[in-house]
Amino acid sequence: MDSPEAMENMLRFWQQRGYAGVFLRSDLQQFAPFVRRNPRELMNPALALMWRYIDVQAEHYDYVSAAQAAADKIGFELWVYHPHIYSDGAPEDVGVPGVGRMIPWSYVTKLLFERPDIVSTDRRGNKYWMVPEYAYPEARRAKVGEFVHMATKYGVKRFIANMRSEVNQLIEPADRADRFGFNRPVVDEMQRLYGVDILTDPRFDVDSPTFDSSDPYVEKWRDLRGSYLTQLYRELRQGLRAVDPQIKIGITLAGEHIGPPLGNWRTDWRTWVDEGLVDYLISPVFFEATLDRDAPKKGYLTNALASVGTVSHEALRAYIQTSRHPEIEVIATGGPPYFFTPPPLPAGADGRQCDVWLGSYHLAWFQRWQQWMRDPEGVRSHQIPGAEFRRCFSRRVRREIRWLGLALV
């Protein structure tokens, strides 16, 4: 999709395959006024090359504008999915080496760079970079500003507020689900509402052998943190309606709580429905950009990958139908986006969600391989004898297909 024409061709291709629309991921140029780019020369050379390629494409043409124009032209739904609710980056001096890590990170939001106190902290003041605490009005205002900017500049009519976090690609994920969430506004509000100091009260010490995850005051703390997320969505609805009352908002949902790698604050989807803050709920969704294999041991009350603390499609639809906003819809995918879930679909699912791994990467790769096989110049350009190149490339494609459990027909 390296030109407006190629973008339109790809949208037509998806449409012909039976898709109704596409979730197009937002990136730096979409919310550039809110981002500080980190020095590129510090990066791993391979990462720097990859980021540079993305920049070159962005300089060549504006792919969001092109996608919106093409979608409008052919009658295709374009959703901009913004996976930056809890992926706000970090300065270049933050990061821990490890498998799957990308350090230094390529950007940090200007707000977190100028106000690092907004980053979620533990009881000792250690920061969980990438993850802002929405108890701060400034954090909510900046995040709403990103959506409003895209709606105003590109005329986007459909957004996915995606709570996916890339924190595991930068630092070690939290060792306990309730490790973070002790920023000053949260501390002050818990003191005002309940007369407890969560910085010193032993009931909030996850390192204590007597820590009780079901303590009612710990639950109140989780509910409070969840209320700030709900307030973000109130302000998001208000901000986007000021641009265009017809703009649609979809919110991803893991379950009753946020889950790995973020924490245990409540995701109060019932209030989102009751107040009409959302047009679509998308479920089931997990929020780990890189999986934490130890997540089941860390006390998460919701873990979508382990089917813990989730909400069934039937329960979502039943609540919506008896609410004041029965027009709200559920996008009930038949499995996680990276992998193809073979039939039959899970109970209550009404469609499939496929990510770039299938639709734009593996199928395109297989198609290009077939083209190269028909093109002697393409084979010679790799300076590999035709038969040897065919065997080598075919083995790699088959290995990737087996890894994903895909069947190309």
Protein backbone atom coordinates (compact mmCIF):
# COMPACT_ATOMS: atom_id res chain seq x y z
CA MET A 1 0.00 0.00 0.00
CA ASP A 2 2.77 2.38 -1.00
CA SER A 3 0.63 4.81 -3.03
CA PRO A 4 -2.93 6.14 -3.06
CA GLU A 5 -3.66 3.90 -6.04
CA ALA A 6 -2.32 0.83 -4.26
CA MET A 7 -4.35 1.76 -1.18
CA GLU A 8 -7.54 1.85 -3.23
CA ASN A 9 -6.64 -1.44 -4.92
CA MET A 10 -6.14 -3.12 -1.55
CA LEU A 11 -9.46 -1.84 -0.22
CA ARG A 12 -11.18 -3.13 -3.35
CA PHE A 13 -9.45 -6.48 -2.87
CA TRP A 14 -10.71 -6.76 0.72
CA GLN A 15 -14.18 -5.71 -0.34
CA GLN A 16 -14.26 -8.40 -3.03
CA ARG A 17 -13.25 -10.98 -0.44
CA GLY A 18 -16.38 -10.11 1.53
CA TYR A 19 -15.03 -7.68 4.11
CA ALA A 20 -17.25 -4.75 5.11
CA GLY A 21 -14.43 -2.54 6.37
CA VAL A 22 -10.96 -2.29 7.81
CA PHE A 23 -9.41 -1.10 11.06
CA LEU A 24 -6.44 1.03 9.95
CA ARG A 25 -3.93 1.59 12.71
CA SER A 26 -3.06 5.17 13.56
CA ASP A 27 0.58 6.15 13.68
CA LEU A 28 2.87 9.02 14.50
CA GLN A 29 1.89 11.36 11.68
CA GLN A 30 -1.76 11.15 12.67
CA PHE A 31 -1.14 12.65 16.10
CA ALA A 32 2.20 14.33 15.43
CA PRO A 33 1.37 17.52 17.37
CA PHE A 34 1.25 15.41 20.54
CA VAL A 35 4.46 13.42 20.10
CA ARG A 36 8.17 13.93 20.69
CA ARG A 37 10.37 11.80 18.41
CA ASN A 38 13.34 10.20 20.14
CA PRO A 39 16.83 10.35 18.55
CA ARG A 40 16.92 7.73 15.82
CA GLU A 41 20.69 7.15 15.87
CA LEU A 42 20.50 5.44 19.25
CA MET A 43 18.34 2.64 17.90
CA ASN A 44 19.18 -0.86 16.89
CA PRO A 45 20.10 -0.47 13.18
CA ALA A 46 17.39 -2.88 12.03
CA LEU A 47 14.72 -0.97 13.98
CA ALA A 48 16.01 2.36 12.71
CA LEU A 49 15.77 1.06 9.14
CA MET A 50 12.21 -0.13 9.70
CA TRP A 51 11.09 3.15 11.23
CA ARG A 52 12.79 5.06 8.42
CA TYR A 53 10.88 3.05 5.84
CA ILE A 54 7.60 3.97 7.53
CA ASP A 55 8.66 7.62 7.55
CA VAL A 56 9.51 7.50 3.84
CA GLN A 57 6.07 6.13 3.04
CA ALA A 58 4.43 8.81 5.19
CA GLU A 59 6.43 11.49 3.37
CA HIS A 60 5.46 10.04 0.00
CA TYR A 61 1.73 10.27 0.63
CA ASP A 62 -0.76 10.67 3.46
CA TYR A 63 -2.11 7.17 3.83
CA VAL A 64 -5.01 8.02 6.16
CA SER A 65 -6.34 10.66 3.75
CA ALA A 66 -5.85 8.24 0.86
CA ALA A 67 -7.61 5.42 2.71
CA GLN A 68 -10.53 7.64 3.70
CA ALA A 69 -10.91 8.89 0.12
CA ALA A 70 -10.75 5.36 -1.29
CA ALA A 71 -13.20 4.02 1.29
CA ASP A 72 -15.70 6.78 0.54
CA LYS A 73 -15.29 6.14 -3.19
CA ILE A 74 -16.06 2.42 -3.08
CA GLY A 75 -18.48 2.32 -0.14
CA PHE A 76 -16.13 0.64 2.34
CA GLU A 77 -15.99 1.30 6.09
CA LEU A 78 -12.73 2.81 7.28
CA TRP A 79 -12.12 2.67 11.02
CA VAL A 80 -9.03 4.31 12.46
CA TYR A 81 -8.01 2.20 15.42
CA HIS A 82 -5.92 4.15 17.88
CA PRO A 83 -3.88 1.74 20.06
CA HIS A 84 -2.42 4.51 22.16
CA ILE A 85 -4.72 4.71 25.16
CA TYR A 86 -2.00 2.88 27.12
CA SER A 87 0.96 3.07 24.72
CA ASP A 88 2.30 6.59 25.12
CA GLY A 89 5.98 5.71 24.68
CA ALA A 90 8.97 6.69 26.76
CA PRO A 91 12.12 8.85 26.53
CA GLU A 92 15.25 7.40 24.97
CA ASP A 93 16.88 6.67 28.34
CA VAL A 94 14.07 4.26 29.36
CA GLY A 95 14.09 0.59 28.52
CA VAL A 96 15.42 -2.82 29.53
CA PRO A 97 17.11 -5.20 27.05
CA GLY A 98 15.38 -8.49 26.42
CA VAL A 99 13.68 -10.68 23.86
CA GLY A 100 11.17 -8.69 21.83
CA ARG A 101 12.29 -5.33 23.30
CA MET A 102 12.53 -2.26 21.07
CA ILE A 103 14.78 0.19 22.84
CA PRO A 104 15.06 3.05 22.84
CA TRP A 105 11.41 3.58 21.95
CA SER A 106 10.84 5.72 18.88
CA TYR A 107 8.69 8.35 20.58
CA VAL A 108 7.09 9.61 23.76
CA THR A 109 4.04 11.82 24.00
CA LYS A 110 4.95 15.38 24.75
CA LEU A 111 2.77 15.26 27.84
CA LEU A 112 4.61 12.33 29.45
CA PHE A 113 7.97 13.82 28.46
CA GLU A 114 7.11 17.12 30.13
CA ARG A 115 5.07 15.62 32.97
CA PRO A 116 6.56 12.23 33.92
CA ASP A 117 4.53 12.35 37.13
CA ILE A 118 1.51 11.37 34.99
CA VAL A 119 3.06 7.96 34.26
CA SER A 120 1.46 5.28 36.46
CA THR A 121 3.58 4.66 39.57
CA ASP A 122 3.89 2.07 42.33
CA ARG A 123 4.01 2.77 46.07
CA ARG A 124 7.74 3.53 45.86
CA GLY A 125 7.39 5.94 42.95
CA ASN A 126 8.70 3.59 40.24
CA LYS A 127 7.17 4.38 36.87
CA TYR A 128 5.32 2.04 34.52
CA TRP A 129 6.30 3.81 31.32
CA MET A 130 3.86 3.72 28.40
CA VAL A 131 0.90 3.77 30.82
CA PRO A 132 -0.62 7.17 31.75
CA GLU A 133 -2.85 7.58 34.78
CA TYR A 134 -6.14 9.12 33.69
CA ALA A 135 -6.83 10.54 37.13
CA TYR A 136 -5.01 13.58 35.72
CA PRO A 137 -7.35 15.85 33.72
CA GLU A 138 -4.35 16.82 31.55
CA ALA A 139 -3.90 13.19 30.51
CA ARG A 140 -7.54 12.88 29.46
CA ARG A 141 -7.47 16.22 27.66
CA ALA A 142 -4.37 15.29 25.66
CA LYS A 143 -5.75 11.89 24.69
CA VAL A 144 -9.06 13.33 23.53
CA GLY A 145 -7.05 15.89 21.59
CA GLU A 146 -5.41 13.13 19.56
CA PHE A 147 -8.79 11.78 18.40
CA VAL A 148 -10.17 15.26 17.72
CA HIS A 149 -7.06 16.08 15.68
CA MET A 150 -7.57 13.01 13.47
CA ALA A 151 -11.29 13.66 13.08
CA THR A 152 -10.66 17.27 12.11
CA LYS A 153 -7.66 16.75 9.82
CA TYR A 154 -8.72 13.57 8.05
CA GLY A 155 -12.50 13.58 8.36
CA VAL A 156 -12.46 10.20 10.10
CA LYS A 157 -15.98 9.04 10.99
CA ARG A 158 -15.18 5.82 12.87
CA PHE A 159 -12.70 5.25 15.67
CA ILE A 160 -11.61 2.27 17.73
CA ALA A 161 -10.30 3.26 21.17
CA ASN A 162 -7.94 0.34 21.67
CA MET A 163 -6.35 -0.23 25.09
CA ARG A 164 -3.59 -2.48 23.75
CA SER A 165 -0.25 -1.72 25.45
CA GLU A 166 3.29 -2.16 24.19
CA VAL A 167 4.80 -1.86 27.66
CA ASN A 168 6.26 -5.40 27.47
CA GLN A 169 8.28 -4.34 24.42
CA LEU A 170 10.04 -1.67 26.48
CA ILE A 171 10.41 -2.86 30.09
CA GLU A 172 9.60 -5.88 32.22
CA PRO A 173 5.83 -6.23 32.69
CA ALA A 174 4.49 -5.70 36.19
CA ASP A 175 5.26 -8.64 38.50
CA ARG A 176 1.86 -8.28 40.20
CA ALA A 177 -1.42 -7.13 38.69
CA ASP A 178 -1.97 -4.56 41.49
CA ARG A 179 1.59 -3.22 41.53
CA PHE A 180 0.89 0.20 39.98
CA GLY A 181 -1.74 2.91 40.39
CA PHE A 182 -0.48 5.03 43.30
CA ASN A 183 -0.22 8.46 41.71
CA ARG A 184 -0.96 11.48 43.87
CA PRO A 185 -4.51 12.21 42.58
CA VAL A 186 -5.51 8.59 43.27
CA VAL A 187 -3.93 8.70 46.73
CA ASP A 188 -5.71 11.97 47.57
CA GLU A 189 -9.10 10.76 46.31
CA MET A 190 -8.91 7.49 48.26
CA GLN A 191 -8.08 9.53 51.37
CA ARG A 192 -11.00 11.89 50.74
CA LEU A 193 -13.56 9.19 49.95
CA TYR A 194 -12.58 6.44 52.37
CA GLY A 195 -10.08 7.88 54.84
CA VAL A 196 -7.29 5.47 53.83
CA ASP A 197 -3.73 6.27 52.79
CA ILE A 198 -2.98 3.69 50.10
CA LEU A 199 0.73 4.59 50.25
CA THR A 200 1.07 3.38 53.83
CA ASP A 201 -1.95 1.15 54.47
CA PRO A 202 -0.65 -2.46 54.45
CA ARG A 203 -3.81 -3.68 52.71
CA PHE A 204 -2.45 -2.20 49.46
CA ASP A 205 1.02 -3.75 49.72
CA VAL A 206 1.20 -6.51 47.10
CA ASP A 207 4.55 -7.64 48.54
CA SER A 208 2.97 -8.46 51.87
CA PRO A 209 2.17 -12.14 52.45
CA THR A 210 -1.18 -10.99 53.90
CA PHE A 211 -2.22 -9.05 50.78
CA ASP A 212 -5.87 -9.86 50.13
CA SER A 213 -6.94 -9.30 46.52
CA SER A 214 -10.60 -9.41 47.57
CA ASP A 215 -10.32 -6.78 50.31
CA PRO A 216 -13.26 -4.36 49.88
CA TYR A 217 -11.00 -1.30 50.00
CA VAL A 218 -8.71 -2.73 47.35
CA GLU A 219 -11.84 -3.20 45.25
CA LYS A 220 -12.82 0.44 45.87
CA TRP A 221 -9.36 1.49 44.68
CA ARG A 222 -9.78 -0.54 41.48
CA ASP A 223 -13.24 0.94 40.94
CA LEU A 224 -11.85 4.44 41.40
CA ARG A 225 -9.13 3.90 38.82
CA GLY A 226 -11.73 2.49 36.45
CA SER A 227 -13.87 5.58 36.95
CA TYR A 228 -11.07 7.70 35.49
CA LEU A 229 -11.09 5.55 32.34
CA THR A 230 -14.85 6.01 32.09
CA GLN A 231 -14.38 9.76 32.49
CA LEU A 232 -11.90 9.66 29.60
CA TYR A 233 -14.57 8.08 27.41
CA ARG A 234 -17.15 10.68 28.51
CA GLU A 235 -14.81 13.43 27.42
CA LEU A 236 -13.92 11.58 24.23
CA ARG A 237 -17.60 11.30 23.27
CA GLN A 238 -18.12 14.98 24.00
CA GLY A 239 -15.02 16.05 22.07
CA LEU A 240 -15.82 14.04 18.96
CA ARG A 241 -19.48 15.06 18.93
CA ALA A 242 -18.34 18.66 18.84
CA VAL A 243 -16.57 17.83 15.57
CA ASP A 244 -19.35 15.67 14.11
CA PRO A 245 -22.27 14.12 16.02
CA GLN A 246 -22.24 11.18 13.59
CA ILE A 247 -18.73 9.98 14.50
CA LYS A 248 -18.82 6.39 15.77
CA ILE A 249 -16.73 5.08 18.67
CA GLY A 250 -15.85 1.46 19.27
CA ILE A 251 -14.15 0.38 22.49
CA THR A 252 -12.24 -2.86 22.96
CA LEU A 253 -13.16 -4.96 25.98
CA ALA A 254 -11.30 -7.79 27.68
CA GLY A 255 -13.73 -8.32 30.55
CA GLU A 256 -14.79 -6.92 33.89
CA HIS A 257 -11.26 -5.63 34.58
CA ILE A 258 -8.56 -4.33 32.28
CA GLY A 259 -6.20 -7.32 32.55
CA PRO A 260 -2.61 -7.99 31.42
CA PRO A 261 -0.28 -6.19 31.14
CA LEU A 262 -2.00 -3.21 32.73
CA GLY A 263 -3.65 -4.05 36.01
CA ASN A 264 -6.94 -4.80 37.72
CA TRP A 265 -8.88 -1.55 37.45
CA ARG A 266 -12.48 -2.00 36.50
CA THR A 267 -13.63 -1.57 32.91
CA ASP A 268 -17.14 -0.36 33.65
CA TRP A 269 -18.70 -1.26 30.30
CA ARG A 270 -22.19 -1.09 31.81
CA THR A 271 -21.78 2.62 32.43
CA TRP A 272 -20.36 3.06 28.92
CA VAL A 273 -23.59 1.48 27.63
CA ASP A 274 -25.96 3.26 30.07
CA GLU A 275 -24.57 6.69 29.17
CA GLY A 276 -24.25 5.98 25.43
CA LEU A 277 -20.51 6.61 25.46
CA VAL A 278 -19.89 3.88 22.90
CA ASP A 279 -21.44 2.76 19.62
CA TYR A 280 -19.71 -0.62 19.47
CA LEU A 281 -18.11 -2.95 21.99
CA ILE A 282 -15.46 -5.23 20.51
CA SER A 283 -14.93 -8.47 22.37
CA PRO A 284 -13.06 -10.62 23.20
CA VAL A 285 -9.83 -8.63 23.12
CA PHE A 286 -6.55 -8.96 24.97
CA PHE A 287 -4.24 -6.01 25.47
CA GLU A 288 -0.73 -7.49 25.40
CA ALA A 289 1.21 -6.43 22.32
CA THR A 290 3.81 -8.97 23.47
CA LEU A 291 2.53 -11.80 25.62
CA ASP A 292 3.56 -12.19 29.24
CA ARG A 293 3.70 -15.94 29.75
CA ASP A 294 3.65 -15.44 33.52
CA ALA A 295 0.45 -13.36 33.52
CA PRO A 296 -1.70 -16.22 34.96
CA LYS A 297 0.50 -16.19 38.08
CA LYS A 298 0.20 -12.46 38.79
CA GLY A 299 -3.30 -12.10 40.20
CA TYR A 300 -5.14 -10.66 37.22
CA LEU A 301 -8.91 -10.72 37.72
CA THR A 302 -9.41 -10.64 33.96
CA ASN A 303 -7.18 -12.57 31.59
CA ALA A 304 -8.92 -12.93 28.23
CA LEU A 305 -6.38 -15.40 26.87
CA ALA A 306 -7.13 -17.71 29.81
CA SER A 307 -10.91 -17.00 29.66
CA VAL A 308 -10.80 -15.51 33.16
CA GLY A 309 -13.08 -12.59 34.07
CA THR A 310 -14.45 -12.18 30.54
CA VAL A 311 -18.02 -11.32 29.55
CA SER A 312 -19.91 -13.55 27.15
CA HIS A 313 -21.37 -12.13 23.96
CA GLU A 314 -24.80 -13.17 25.16
CA ALA A 315 -24.38 -11.22 28.41
CA LEU A 316 -23.21 -8.12 26.54
CA ARG A 317 -26.13 -8.22 24.14
CA ALA A 318 -28.67 -8.93 26.87
CA TYR A 319 -27.55 -5.93 28.91
CA ILE A 320 -27.54 -3.65 25.88
CA GLN A 321 -31.04 -4.68 24.83
CA THR A 322 -32.54 -3.66 28.18
CA SER A 323 -30.51 -0.44 28.44
CA ARG A 324 -31.43 3.07 27.35
CA HIS A 325 -29.22 2.56 24.29
CA PRO A 326 -30.27 -0.69 22.61
CA GLU A 327 -28.79 0.63 19.35
CA ILE A 328 -25.27 -0.14 20.62
CA GLU A 329 -23.78 -3.06 18.75
CA VAL A 330 -21.30 -5.79 19.63
CA ILE A 331 -18.53 -6.74 17.24
CA ALA A 332 -18.07 -10.31 18.40
CA THR A 333 -14.96 -11.60 16.70
CA GLY A 334 -14.31 -15.27 16.23
CA GLY A 335 -10.88 -15.16 17.83
CA PRO A 336 -7.80 -12.98 18.35
CA PRO A 337 -6.77 -10.87 15.35
CA TYR A 338 -3.29 -12.29 14.69
CA PHE A 339 -4.42 -15.85 14.08
CA PHE A 340 -7.11 -17.42 11.98
CA THR A 341 -9.61 -19.31 14.09
CA PRO A 342 -10.97 -22.28 12.11
CA PRO A 343 -14.71 -23.00 12.07
CA PRO A 344 -16.95 -23.33 13.93
CA LEU A 345 -16.99 -19.84 15.40
CA PRO A 346 -17.18 -19.54 19.19
CA ALA A 347 -20.65 -19.18 20.69
CA GLY A 348 -22.11 -15.75 20.04
CA ALA A 349 -19.47 -14.66 17.52
CA ASP A 350 -20.77 -13.00 14.39
CA GLY A 351 -17.65 -12.40 12.32
CA ARG A 352 -13.92 -12.67 12.01
CA GLN A 353 -11.18 -10.22 12.77
CA CYS A 354 -8.01 -10.63 10.74
CA ASP A 355 -4.90 -8.53 11.22
CA VAL A 356 -2.16 -7.64 8.75
CA TRP A 357 -0.55 -11.00 9.43
CA LEU A 358 -3.17 -12.68 7.26
CA GLY A 359 -4.75 -10.17 4.94
CA SER A 360 -1.83 -7.88 4.10
CA TYR A 361 1.26 -9.86 5.01
CA HIS A 362 1.00 -13.58 4.43
CA LEU A 363 -1.36 -13.49 1.46
CA ALA A 364 0.61 -10.64 -0.10
CA TRP A 365 3.86 -12.50 0.53
CA PHE A 366 2.50 -15.65 -1.07
CA GLN A 367 1.20 -13.63 -4.02
CA ARG A 368 4.58 -11.94 -4.52
CA TRP A 369 6.32 -15.30 -4.37
CA GLN A 370 4.06 -16.60 -7.15
CA GLN A 371 4.85 -13.52 -9.21
CA TRP A 372 8.57 -14.04 -8.74
CA MET A 373 8.25 -17.63 -9.85
CA ARG A 374 6.77 -16.43 -13.13
CA ASP A 375 9.37 -13.68 -13.53
CA PRO A 376 12.89 -14.81 -14.50
CA GLU A 377 14.19 -11.30 -13.82
CA GLY A 378 12.80 -11.49 -10.29
CA VAL A 379 14.60 -14.76 -9.66
CA ARG A 380 17.86 -13.50 -11.16
CA SER A 381 17.69 -10.33 -9.08
CA HIS A 382 18.17 -12.49 -5.99
CA GLN A 383 21.19 -14.19 -7.65
CA ILE A 384 19.90 -17.59 -6.60
CA PRO A 385 19.36 -20.38 -9.13
CA GLY A 386 15.64 -20.64 -9.89
CA ALA A 387 15.05 -24.11 -8.48
CA GLU A 388 17.07 -23.44 -5.33
CA PHE A 389 15.31 -20.10 -4.77
CA ARG A 390 11.92 -21.78 -5.26
CA ARG A 391 12.71 -24.46 -2.69
CA CYS A 392 14.18 -21.97 -0.18
CA PHE A 393 11.31 -19.52 -0.41
CA SER A 394 8.68 -22.25 -0.43
CA ARG A 395 10.08 -23.77 2.77
CA ARG A 396 9.95 -20.42 4.52
CA VAL A 397 6.38 -19.73 3.41
CA ARG A 398 5.25 -23.18 4.52
CA ARG A 399 6.95 -22.73 7.88
CA GLU A 400 5.19 -19.40 8.44
CA ILE A 401 1.86 -20.85 7.38
CA ARG A 402 2.24 -23.78 9.76
CA TRP A 403 3.22 -21.43 12.58
CA LEU A 404 0.02 -19.45 12.14
CA GLY A 405 -2.11 -22.50 11.49
CA LEU A 406 -3.33 -20.99 8.23
CA ALA A 407 -4.57 -22.73 5.12
CA LEU A 408 -4.18 -20.86 1.88
CA VAL A 409 -6.82 -21.92 -0.63
